[in-house]
N, C-alpha and C. Protein backbone atom coordinates (compact mmCIF):
# COMPACT_ATOMS: atom_id res chain seq x y z
N MET A 1 0.85 -1.17 0.00
CA MET A 1 0.00 0.00 0.00
C MET A 1 0.89 1.23 0.00
N SER A 2 0.96 1.88 -1.08
CA SER A 2 1.79 3.07 -1.19
C SER A 2 0.96 4.30 -0.85
N PRO A 3 1.61 5.46 -0.62
CA PRO A 3 0.85 6.69 -0.36
C PRO A 3 -0.14 7.00 -1.48
N ALA A 4 0.16 6.60 -2.70
CA ALA A 4 -0.77 6.85 -3.80
C ALA A 4 -2.07 6.08 -3.62
N ASP A 5 -2.01 4.96 -2.88
CA ASP A 5 -3.20 4.16 -2.63
C ASP A 5 -4.12 4.79 -1.59
N ALA A 6 -3.66 5.80 -0.89
CA ALA A 6 -4.39 6.36 0.24
C ALA A 6 -5.76 6.89 -0.13
N THR A 7 -5.99 7.22 -1.37
CA THR A 7 -7.30 7.70 -1.77
C THR A 7 -8.09 6.64 -2.52
N ARG A 8 -7.49 5.49 -2.75
CA ARG A 8 -8.14 4.44 -3.51
C ARG A 8 -9.34 3.88 -2.74
N GLN A 9 -10.51 3.89 -3.36
CA GLN A 9 -11.71 3.32 -2.79
C GLN A 9 -12.36 2.42 -3.83
N ASP A 10 -13.17 1.49 -3.36
CA ASP A 10 -13.96 0.64 -4.24
C ASP A 10 -15.38 1.18 -4.20
N PRO A 11 -15.89 1.70 -5.31
CA PRO A 11 -17.22 2.33 -5.31
C PRO A 11 -18.35 1.36 -4.98
N ASN A 12 -18.10 0.06 -5.03
CA ASN A 12 -19.13 -0.93 -4.72
C ASN A 12 -19.02 -1.49 -3.30
N CYS A 13 -18.03 -1.03 -2.54
CA CYS A 13 -17.76 -1.56 -1.20
C CYS A 13 -18.57 -0.79 -0.15
N ILE A 14 -19.34 -1.52 0.65
CA ILE A 14 -20.17 -0.89 1.67
C ILE A 14 -19.31 -0.14 2.70
N PHE A 15 -18.14 -0.69 3.05
CA PHE A 15 -17.29 -0.02 4.03
C PHE A 15 -16.67 1.25 3.45
N CYS A 16 -16.31 1.23 2.17
CA CYS A 16 -15.82 2.45 1.53
C CYS A 16 -16.91 3.52 1.54
N LYS A 17 -18.15 3.11 1.32
CA LYS A 17 -19.26 4.07 1.35
C LYS A 17 -19.47 4.63 2.75
N ILE A 18 -19.28 3.81 3.78
CA ILE A 18 -19.38 4.30 5.16
C ILE A 18 -18.24 5.28 5.44
N ILE A 19 -17.03 4.94 5.03
CA ILE A 19 -15.87 5.81 5.24
C ILE A 19 -16.07 7.15 4.54
N ASP A 20 -16.64 7.12 3.33
CA ASP A 20 -16.88 8.34 2.56
C ASP A 20 -18.15 9.07 2.98
N ARG A 21 -18.83 8.55 4.01
CA ARG A 21 -20.06 9.14 4.56
C ARG A 21 -21.23 9.11 3.57
N GLN A 22 -21.19 8.17 2.64
CA GLN A 22 -22.32 7.98 1.73
C GLN A 22 -23.41 7.15 2.40
N LEU A 23 -23.05 6.40 3.43
CA LEU A 23 -24.00 5.61 4.20
C LEU A 23 -23.86 6.00 5.67
N PRO A 24 -24.97 5.99 6.42
CA PRO A 24 -24.89 6.38 7.83
C PRO A 24 -24.22 5.29 8.67
N SER A 25 -23.61 5.71 9.75
CA SER A 25 -22.99 4.78 10.70
C SER A 25 -22.89 5.47 12.05
N ASN A 26 -22.68 4.69 13.07
CA ASN A 26 -22.48 5.20 14.42
C ASN A 26 -20.98 5.22 14.67
N VAL A 27 -20.36 6.37 14.40
CA VAL A 27 -18.91 6.51 14.49
C VAL A 27 -18.47 6.57 15.95
N VAL A 28 -17.48 5.74 16.29
CA VAL A 28 -16.91 5.72 17.63
C VAL A 28 -15.66 6.57 17.68
N SER A 29 -14.82 6.44 16.66
CA SER A 29 -13.60 7.25 16.60
C SER A 29 -13.12 7.31 15.15
N GLU A 30 -12.27 8.30 14.91
CA GLU A 30 -11.70 8.48 13.58
C GLU A 30 -10.33 9.10 13.73
N ASN A 31 -9.42 8.69 12.85
CA ASN A 31 -8.11 9.32 12.77
C ASN A 31 -7.71 9.34 11.30
N ASP A 32 -6.47 9.67 11.02
CA ASP A 32 -6.03 9.82 9.63
C ASP A 32 -6.11 8.53 8.82
N TYR A 33 -6.03 7.38 9.47
CA TYR A 33 -5.93 6.13 8.74
C TYR A 33 -7.10 5.17 8.95
N SER A 34 -8.01 5.48 9.91
CA SER A 34 -9.10 4.53 10.16
C SER A 34 -10.35 5.23 10.65
N LEU A 35 -11.45 4.49 10.51
CA LEU A 35 -12.74 4.89 11.04
C LEU A 35 -13.25 3.71 11.84
N ALA A 36 -13.71 3.95 13.06
CA ALA A 36 -14.26 2.90 13.90
C ALA A 36 -15.75 3.17 14.09
N VAL A 37 -16.55 2.15 13.82
CA VAL A 37 -18.01 2.29 13.90
C VAL A 37 -18.59 1.12 14.68
N ARG A 38 -19.76 1.33 15.27
CA ARG A 38 -20.48 0.25 15.94
C ARG A 38 -21.05 -0.68 14.87
N ASP A 39 -20.92 -1.98 15.10
CA ASP A 39 -21.44 -2.97 14.16
C ASP A 39 -22.96 -3.01 14.26
N VAL A 40 -23.64 -2.89 13.12
CA VAL A 40 -25.11 -2.92 13.12
C VAL A 40 -25.65 -4.32 13.40
N ASN A 41 -24.79 -5.33 13.28
CA ASN A 41 -25.17 -6.71 13.57
C ASN A 41 -24.33 -7.21 14.75
N ALA A 42 -24.40 -6.48 15.85
CA ALA A 42 -23.53 -6.74 17.01
C ALA A 42 -23.68 -8.16 17.54
N GLN A 43 -22.55 -8.79 17.83
CA GLN A 43 -22.50 -10.13 18.38
C GLN A 43 -22.10 -10.12 19.85
N ALA A 44 -21.95 -8.93 20.42
CA ALA A 44 -21.60 -8.75 21.83
C ALA A 44 -22.08 -7.36 22.24
N PRO A 45 -22.20 -7.11 23.54
CA PRO A 45 -22.64 -5.78 23.98
C PRO A 45 -21.81 -4.64 23.39
N THR A 46 -20.51 -4.86 23.29
CA THR A 46 -19.63 -3.93 22.57
C THR A 46 -19.13 -4.65 21.33
N HIS A 47 -19.44 -4.10 20.17
CA HIS A 47 -18.96 -4.69 18.91
C HIS A 47 -18.66 -3.54 17.97
N ILE A 48 -17.38 -3.27 17.79
CA ILE A 48 -16.90 -2.15 16.99
C ILE A 48 -16.09 -2.70 15.82
N LEU A 49 -16.25 -2.08 14.67
CA LEU A 49 -15.45 -2.41 13.49
C LEU A 49 -14.43 -1.31 13.27
N ILE A 50 -13.17 -1.66 13.12
CA ILE A 50 -12.11 -0.71 12.80
C ILE A 50 -11.79 -0.90 11.32
N LEU A 51 -12.03 0.14 10.54
CA LEU A 51 -11.90 0.09 9.08
C LEU A 51 -10.74 0.96 8.61
N PRO A 52 -9.79 0.41 7.86
CA PRO A 52 -8.78 1.29 7.27
C PRO A 52 -9.46 2.18 6.23
N LYS A 53 -9.00 3.40 6.10
CA LYS A 53 -9.61 4.35 5.17
C LYS A 53 -9.26 4.06 3.71
N ILE A 54 -8.30 3.21 3.48
CA ILE A 54 -8.02 2.79 2.11
C ILE A 54 -8.62 1.40 1.93
N HIS A 55 -9.00 1.09 0.72
CA HIS A 55 -9.60 -0.22 0.45
C HIS A 55 -8.51 -1.27 0.32
N VAL A 56 -8.52 -2.19 1.27
CA VAL A 56 -7.64 -3.35 1.27
C VAL A 56 -8.58 -4.54 1.41
N VAL A 57 -8.49 -5.50 0.51
CA VAL A 57 -9.45 -6.61 0.47
C VAL A 57 -9.45 -7.41 1.77
N ASN A 58 -8.27 -7.79 2.26
CA ASN A 58 -8.18 -8.54 3.51
C ASN A 58 -6.77 -8.42 4.07
N ILE A 59 -6.54 -9.03 5.20
CA ILE A 59 -5.25 -8.85 5.88
C ILE A 59 -4.08 -9.41 5.07
N THR A 60 -4.33 -10.39 4.22
CA THR A 60 -3.23 -10.92 3.40
C THR A 60 -2.78 -9.92 2.35
N GLU A 61 -3.63 -8.95 2.04
CA GLU A 61 -3.29 -7.89 1.08
C GLU A 61 -2.67 -6.67 1.77
N GLY A 62 -2.66 -6.68 3.09
CA GLY A 62 -2.15 -5.54 3.86
C GLY A 62 -0.65 -5.59 4.02
N SER A 63 0.07 -4.95 3.12
CA SER A 63 1.53 -5.00 3.15
C SER A 63 2.15 -3.86 3.96
N ASP A 64 1.35 -2.89 4.36
CA ASP A 64 1.86 -1.74 5.12
C ASP A 64 1.86 -2.09 6.61
N GLN A 65 3.01 -2.49 7.12
CA GLN A 65 3.12 -2.91 8.52
C GLN A 65 2.74 -1.78 9.48
N ASP A 66 3.07 -0.56 9.12
CA ASP A 66 2.73 0.58 9.97
C ASP A 66 1.22 0.72 10.09
N LEU A 67 0.52 0.63 8.97
CA LEU A 67 -0.94 0.73 9.00
C LEU A 67 -1.56 -0.41 9.81
N LEU A 68 -1.11 -1.64 9.58
CA LEU A 68 -1.65 -2.77 10.32
C LEU A 68 -1.43 -2.60 11.82
N GLY A 69 -0.26 -2.15 12.20
CA GLY A 69 0.02 -1.90 13.62
C GLY A 69 -0.89 -0.82 14.19
N LYS A 70 -1.10 0.23 13.43
CA LYS A 70 -1.97 1.31 13.90
C LYS A 70 -3.41 0.85 14.05
N LEU A 71 -3.88 -0.01 13.15
CA LEU A 71 -5.24 -0.53 13.26
C LEU A 71 -5.40 -1.34 14.55
N PHE A 72 -4.43 -2.19 14.85
CA PHE A 72 -4.51 -2.98 16.07
C PHE A 72 -4.34 -2.11 17.31
N GLN A 73 -3.50 -1.08 17.24
CA GLN A 73 -3.37 -0.17 18.38
C GLN A 73 -4.67 0.58 18.61
N THR A 74 -5.35 0.96 17.54
CA THR A 74 -6.66 1.61 17.66
C THR A 74 -7.64 0.68 18.37
N ALA A 75 -7.63 -0.60 18.01
CA ALA A 75 -8.51 -1.57 18.66
C ALA A 75 -8.21 -1.63 20.16
N CYS A 76 -6.95 -1.65 20.53
CA CYS A 76 -6.58 -1.69 21.95
C CYS A 76 -7.00 -0.42 22.68
N ASN A 77 -6.80 0.73 22.05
CA ASN A 77 -7.21 2.00 22.66
C ASN A 77 -8.72 2.05 22.85
N LEU A 78 -9.46 1.55 21.87
CA LEU A 78 -10.92 1.53 21.99
C LEU A 78 -11.36 0.58 23.09
N ALA A 79 -10.68 -0.56 23.24
CA ALA A 79 -11.01 -1.48 24.34
C ALA A 79 -10.88 -0.78 25.68
N LYS A 80 -9.87 0.04 25.83
CA LYS A 80 -9.70 0.80 27.08
C LYS A 80 -10.81 1.83 27.24
N SER A 81 -11.09 2.58 26.19
CA SER A 81 -12.10 3.64 26.30
C SER A 81 -13.52 3.07 26.45
N GLU A 82 -13.72 1.83 26.00
CA GLU A 82 -15.03 1.16 26.15
C GLU A 82 -15.11 0.38 27.46
N HIS A 83 -14.07 0.48 28.28
CA HIS A 83 -14.04 -0.14 29.61
C HIS A 83 -14.19 -1.67 29.56
N LEU A 84 -13.42 -2.28 28.68
CA LEU A 84 -13.45 -3.73 28.54
C LEU A 84 -12.35 -4.38 29.36
N GLU A 85 -12.23 -3.94 30.64
CA GLU A 85 -11.16 -4.41 31.51
C GLU A 85 -11.22 -5.91 31.76
N ASN A 86 -12.40 -6.52 31.70
CA ASN A 86 -12.53 -7.96 31.95
C ASN A 86 -12.12 -8.80 30.76
N GLY A 87 -11.84 -8.16 29.64
CA GLY A 87 -11.38 -8.89 28.47
C GLY A 87 -12.18 -8.53 27.23
N PHE A 88 -11.61 -8.87 26.12
CA PHE A 88 -12.24 -8.59 24.83
C PHE A 88 -11.65 -9.53 23.80
N ARG A 89 -12.28 -9.54 22.64
CA ARG A 89 -11.79 -10.37 21.54
C ARG A 89 -11.58 -9.47 20.32
N ILE A 90 -10.48 -9.71 19.61
CA ILE A 90 -10.20 -9.05 18.34
C ILE A 90 -10.23 -10.14 17.27
N VAL A 91 -11.03 -9.91 16.22
CA VAL A 91 -11.19 -10.90 15.16
C VAL A 91 -10.96 -10.24 13.81
N VAL A 92 -10.22 -10.92 12.95
CA VAL A 92 -10.04 -10.49 11.56
C VAL A 92 -10.41 -11.69 10.69
N ASN A 93 -11.60 -11.67 10.12
CA ASN A 93 -12.03 -12.73 9.22
C ASN A 93 -11.37 -12.49 7.86
N THR A 94 -10.90 -13.57 7.24
CA THR A 94 -10.21 -13.46 5.96
C THR A 94 -10.72 -14.51 4.99
N GLY A 95 -11.26 -14.05 3.88
CA GLY A 95 -11.76 -14.95 2.84
C GLY A 95 -13.10 -15.56 3.20
N ASN A 96 -13.72 -16.16 2.21
CA ASN A 96 -15.04 -16.74 2.40
C ASN A 96 -15.06 -17.82 3.47
N ASP A 97 -14.09 -18.73 3.45
CA ASP A 97 -14.06 -19.79 4.46
C ASP A 97 -13.73 -19.26 5.85
N GLY A 98 -13.11 -18.09 5.91
CA GLY A 98 -12.81 -17.46 7.19
C GLY A 98 -13.96 -16.63 7.73
N GLY A 99 -15.06 -16.58 7.00
CA GLY A 99 -16.24 -15.85 7.46
C GLY A 99 -16.27 -14.39 7.05
N GLN A 100 -15.39 -13.97 6.14
CA GLN A 100 -15.38 -12.58 5.71
C GLN A 100 -16.54 -12.35 4.74
N THR A 101 -17.47 -11.47 5.13
CA THR A 101 -18.64 -11.20 4.28
C THR A 101 -18.52 -9.87 3.56
N VAL A 102 -17.71 -8.95 4.08
CA VAL A 102 -17.41 -7.69 3.39
C VAL A 102 -15.92 -7.73 3.08
N HIS A 103 -15.59 -7.66 1.81
CA HIS A 103 -14.20 -7.82 1.40
C HIS A 103 -13.46 -6.48 1.39
N HIS A 104 -13.37 -5.92 2.59
CA HIS A 104 -12.60 -4.72 2.93
C HIS A 104 -12.04 -5.05 4.31
N LEU A 105 -10.74 -5.07 4.45
CA LEU A 105 -10.12 -5.41 5.73
C LEU A 105 -10.82 -4.66 6.86
N HIS A 106 -11.13 -5.37 7.92
CA HIS A 106 -11.70 -4.74 9.11
C HIS A 106 -11.41 -5.61 10.32
N ILE A 107 -11.28 -4.95 11.45
CA ILE A 107 -11.04 -5.63 12.72
C ILE A 107 -12.31 -5.52 13.55
N HIS A 108 -12.76 -6.66 14.05
CA HIS A 108 -13.89 -6.68 14.99
C HIS A 108 -13.32 -6.58 16.40
N LEU A 109 -13.80 -5.64 17.18
CA LEU A 109 -13.50 -5.55 18.61
C LEU A 109 -14.79 -5.89 19.34
N MET A 110 -14.78 -6.98 20.09
CA MET A 110 -15.98 -7.43 20.79
C MET A 110 -15.68 -7.64 22.27
N GLY A 111 -16.62 -7.22 23.10
CA GLY A 111 -16.47 -7.41 24.54
C GLY A 111 -17.78 -7.12 25.25
N GLY A 112 -17.68 -7.12 26.58
CA GLY A 112 -18.85 -6.85 27.40
C GLY A 112 -19.57 -8.11 27.83
N ARG A 113 -19.05 -9.27 27.46
CA ARG A 113 -19.58 -10.57 27.89
C ARG A 113 -18.44 -11.58 27.78
N ALA A 114 -18.62 -12.72 28.44
CA ALA A 114 -17.63 -13.80 28.32
C ALA A 114 -17.70 -14.38 26.91
N MET A 115 -16.57 -14.62 26.31
CA MET A 115 -16.48 -15.19 24.97
C MET A 115 -16.23 -16.69 25.07
N GLY A 116 -16.97 -17.46 24.30
CA GLY A 116 -16.78 -18.90 24.29
C GLY A 116 -15.63 -19.33 23.40
N TRP A 117 -15.21 -20.58 23.55
CA TRP A 117 -14.16 -21.14 22.72
C TRP A 117 -14.49 -22.59 22.44
N PRO A 118 -14.37 -23.12 21.27
CA PRO A 118 -13.89 -22.43 20.08
C PRO A 118 -14.94 -21.45 19.54
N PRO A 119 -14.46 -20.42 18.83
CA PRO A 119 -15.37 -19.36 18.41
C PRO A 119 -16.28 -19.73 17.26
N GLY A 120 -15.97 -20.70 16.44
CA GLY A 120 -16.82 -20.97 15.29
C GLY A 120 -16.69 -22.34 14.88
């Protein structure tokens, strides 16, 4: 992901439309590289999606180590601000068999209840 990619969006991607404010969302936080929104299909009392502002299909396509680190740091910061002291789960679904339904890299931050194992 080069700096030239920073404006690259997929016009058919629902997450790109949320990032561009073409679709409504419940924004939790925003910075130069990501937008965090509450998941409309929450699987836990706290369920936040951290979306990179550039379109990256999945984590295997994410070659920018700095961006990937910042996305995970954002997830950790949000866990603190959401008071998930008892624990939380971070999930990155990748590909159809991995449960990825929107093909734009995103991190699920879930907490506020005990998480079972195995997860799926």
